[in-house]
C-alpha atoms as a PDB file:
ATOM      1  CA  UNK A   1      -0.168  -0.083  -0.060  1.00  0.00           C
ATOM      2  CA  UNK A   2       2.687   2.797   1.185  1.00  0.00           C
ATOM      3  CA  UNK A   3       4.768   1.454  -2.485  1.00  0.00           C
ATOM      4  CA  UNK A   4       1.799   2.526  -4.481  1.00  0.00           C
ATOM      5  CA  UNK A   5       0.974   5.687  -2.785  1.00  0.00           C
ATOM      6  CA  UNK A   6       4.824   6.747  -3.480  1.00  0.00           C
ATOM      7  CA  UNK A   7       4.282   5.928  -7.026  1.00  0.00           C
ATOM      8  CA  UNK A   8       1.250   7.464  -7.454  1.00  0.00           C
ATOM      9  CA  UNK A   9       2.713  10.923  -5.533  1.00  0.00           C
ATOM     10  CA  UNK A  10       5.778  10.816  -7.512  1.00  0.00           C
ATOM     11  CA  UNK A  11       4.109  10.385 -11.060  1.00  0.00           C
ATOM     12  CA  UNK A  12       1.715  13.306 -10.089  1.00  0.00           C
ATOM     13  CA  UNK A  13       4.722  15.327  -9.066  1.00  0.00           C
ATOM     14  CA  UNK A  14       6.189  14.846 -12.333  1.00  0.00           C
ATOM     15  CA  UNK A  15       3.227  15.540 -14.076  1.00  0.00           C
ATOM     16  CA  UNK A  16       2.650  18.688 -12.757  1.00  0.00           C
ATOM     17  CA  UNK A  17       6.245  19.752 -13.410  1.00  0.00           C
ATOM     18  CA  UNK A  18       5.918  18.892 -16.818  1.00  0.00           C
ATOM     19  CA  UNK A  19       2.706  20.814 -16.916  1.00  0.00           C
ATOM     20  CA  UNK A  20       4.701  23.973 -15.754  1.00  0.00           C
ATOM     21  CA  UNK A  21       7.384  23.688 -17.837  1.00  0.00           C
ATOM     22  CA  UNK A  22       5.534  23.036 -20.970  1.00  0.00           C
ATOM     23  CA  UNK A  23       2.929  25.600 -20.410  1.00  0.00           C
ATOM     24  CA  UNK A  24       4.957  28.766 -20.371  1.00  0.00           C
ATOM     25  CA  UNK A  25       6.984  29.741 -23.626  1.00  0.00           C
ATOM     26  CA  UNK A  26       8.316  33.122 -24.312  1.00  0.00           C
ATOM     27  CA  UNK A  27      10.026  34.387 -27.179  1.00  0.00           C
ATOM     28  CA  UNK A  28      10.090  38.294 -28.055  1.00  0.00           C
ATOM     29  CA  UNK A  29      11.956  40.930 -29.669  1.00  0.00           C
ATOM     30  CA  UNK A  30      12.032  44.301 -30.722  1.00  0.00           C
ATOM     31  CA  UNK A  31      14.628  46.202 -32.741  1.00  0.00           C
ATOM     32  CA  UNK A  32      15.393  49.936 -32.278  1.00  0.00           C
ATOM     33  CA  UNK A  33      17.455  52.735 -34.062  1.00  0.00           C
ATOM     34  CA  UNK A  34      18.963  56.025 -32.893  1.00  0.00           C
ATOM     35  CA  UNK A  35      17.474  58.550 -35.310  1.00  0.00           C
ATOM     36  CA  UNK A  36      20.112  60.554 -35.184  1.00  0.00           C
ATOM     37  CA  UNK A  37      23.173  58.312 -35.347  1.00  0.00           C
ATOM     38  CA  UNK A  38      21.764  55.431 -37.132  1.00  0.00           C
ATOM     39  CA  UNK A  39      22.636  52.803 -34.415  1.00  0.00           C
ATOM     40  CA  UNK A  40      20.449  49.988 -34.241  1.00  0.00           C
ATOM     41  CA  UNK A  41      20.016  47.333 -31.559  1.00  0.00           C
ATOM     42  CA  UNK A  42      17.778  44.426 -30.571  1.00  0.00           C
ATOM     43  CA  UNK A  43      16.095  43.714 -27.220  1.00  0.00           C
ATOM     44  CA  UNK A  44      15.056  40.127 -27.512  1.00  0.00           C
ATOM     45  CA  UNK A  45      15.209  36.818 -25.463  1.00  0.00           C
ATOM     46  CA  UNK A  46      13.566  33.383 -25.488  1.00  0.00           C
ATOM     47  CA  UNK A  47      13.022  31.309 -22.513  1.00  0.00           C
ATOM     48  CA  UNK A  48      10.503  28.225 -21.177  1.00  0.00           C
ATOM     49  CA  UNK A  49       8.431  27.261 -17.946  1.00  0.00           C
ATOM     50  CA  UNK A  50       9.718  29.504 -15.073  1.00  0.00           C
ATOM     51  CA  UNK A  51      12.318  31.305 -17.159  1.00  0.00           C
ATOM     52  CA  UNK A  52       9.877  33.546 -18.981  1.00  0.00           C
ATOM     53  CA  UNK A  53       9.140  36.166 -16.315  1.00  0.00           C
ATOM     54  CA  UNK A  54      12.901  36.511 -16.059  1.00  0.00           C
ATOM     55  CA  UNK A  55      13.143  36.851 -20.043  1.00  0.00           C
ATOM     56  CA  UNK A  56       9.990  39.241 -20.152  1.00  0.00           C
ATOM     57  CA  UNK A  57      11.840  41.222 -17.579  1.00  0.00           C
ATOM     58  CA  UNK A  58      14.889  41.674 -19.170  1.00  0.00           C
ATOM     59  CA  UNK A  59      13.476  42.383 -22.560  1.00  0.00           C
ATOM     60  CA  UNK A  60      11.215  45.389 -20.755  1.00  0.00           C
ATOM     61  CA  UNK A  61      14.524  46.607 -18.976  1.00  0.00           C
ATOM     62  CA  UNK A  62      16.185  46.728 -22.517  1.00  0.00           C
ATOM     63  CA  UNK A  63      13.248  48.676 -24.038  1.00  0.00           C
ATOM     64  CA  UNK A  64      13.320  51.155 -21.178  1.00  0.00           C
ATOM     65  CA  UNK A  65      17.105  51.818 -21.214  1.00  0.00           C
ATOM     66  CA  UNK A  66      17.164  51.989 -24.944  1.00  0.00           C
ATOM     67  CA  UNK A  67      14.111  54.629 -24.774  1.00  0.00           C
ATOM     68  CA  UNK A  68      16.037  56.720 -22.232  1.00  0.00           C
ATOM     69  CA  UNK A  69      18.766  56.562 -24.443  1.00  0.00           C
ATOM     70  CA  UNK A  70      17.122  57.813 -27.363  1.00  0.00           C
ATOM     71  CA  UNK A  71      16.446  55.110 -29.339  1.00  0.00           C
ATOM     72  CA  UNK A  72      13.196  54.602 -31.001  1.00  0.00           C
ATOM     73  CA  UNK A  73      11.386  51.176 -32.252  1.00  0.00           C
ATOM     74  CA  UNK A  74      11.699  50.928 -36.132  1.00  0.00           C
ATOM     75  CA  UNK A  75       7.890  50.614 -36.125  1.00  0.00           C
ATOM     76  CA  UNK A  76       7.713  54.105 -34.456  1.00  0.00           C
ATOM     77  CA  UNK A  77       9.847  56.212 -36.402  1.00  0.00           C
ATOM     78  CA  UNK A  78       7.907  59.419 -37.994  1.00  0.00           C
ATOM     79  CA  UNK A  79       7.765  59.795 -41.387  1.00  0.00           C
ATOM     80  CA  UNK A  80      10.537  62.450 -41.319  1.00  0.00           C
ATOM     81  CA  UNK A  81      13.105  60.209 -39.171  1.00  0.00           C
ATOM     82  CA  UNK A  82      12.085  57.402 -41.778  1.00  0.00           C
ATOM     83  CA  UNK A  83      13.026  59.567 -44.693  1.00  0.00           C
ATOM     84  CA  UNK A  84      16.254  61.197 -43.146  1.00  0.00           C
ATOM     85  CA  UNK A  85      17.643  57.626 -41.946  1.00  0.00           C
ATOM     86  CA  UNK A  86      16.877  56.341 -45.777  1.00  0.00           C
ATOM     87  CA  UNK A  87      18.650  59.242 -47.349  1.00  0.00           C
ATOM     88  CA  UNK A  88      21.589  58.270 -45.184  1.00  0.00           C
ATOM     89  CA  UNK A  89      21.380  54.739 -45.873  1.00  0.00           C
ATOM     90  CA  UNK A  90      20.901  53.739 -42.207  1.00  0.00           C
ATOM     91  CA  UNK A  91      17.362  52.109 -42.197  1.00  0.00           C
ATOM     92  CA  UNK A  92      17.393  48.539 -41.633  1.00  0.00           C
ATOM     93  CA  UNK A  93      15.523  46.346 -43.502  1.00  0.00           C
ATOM     94  CA  UNK A  94      12.606  44.413 -42.143  1.00  0.00           C
END
């Protein structure tokens, strides 16, 4: 009887662990460009299971720091910034 209860508990623990690891998967990224210099950077990461919260926090911090340093998401460039970067050959290809 004790052996069956231990086996059941172990199987249940393994199942719960597998569900936690498989349930969460994250992959995200954003490309930024500095409108004056044309310098680009990528904020991205990927993870699974319990690591997804860390990955999202890492990406959020990267995005915040980039914006504070004057970078703009490539998708959010103004038409004038886009034209200026294109003229200088600095706009990255999507």
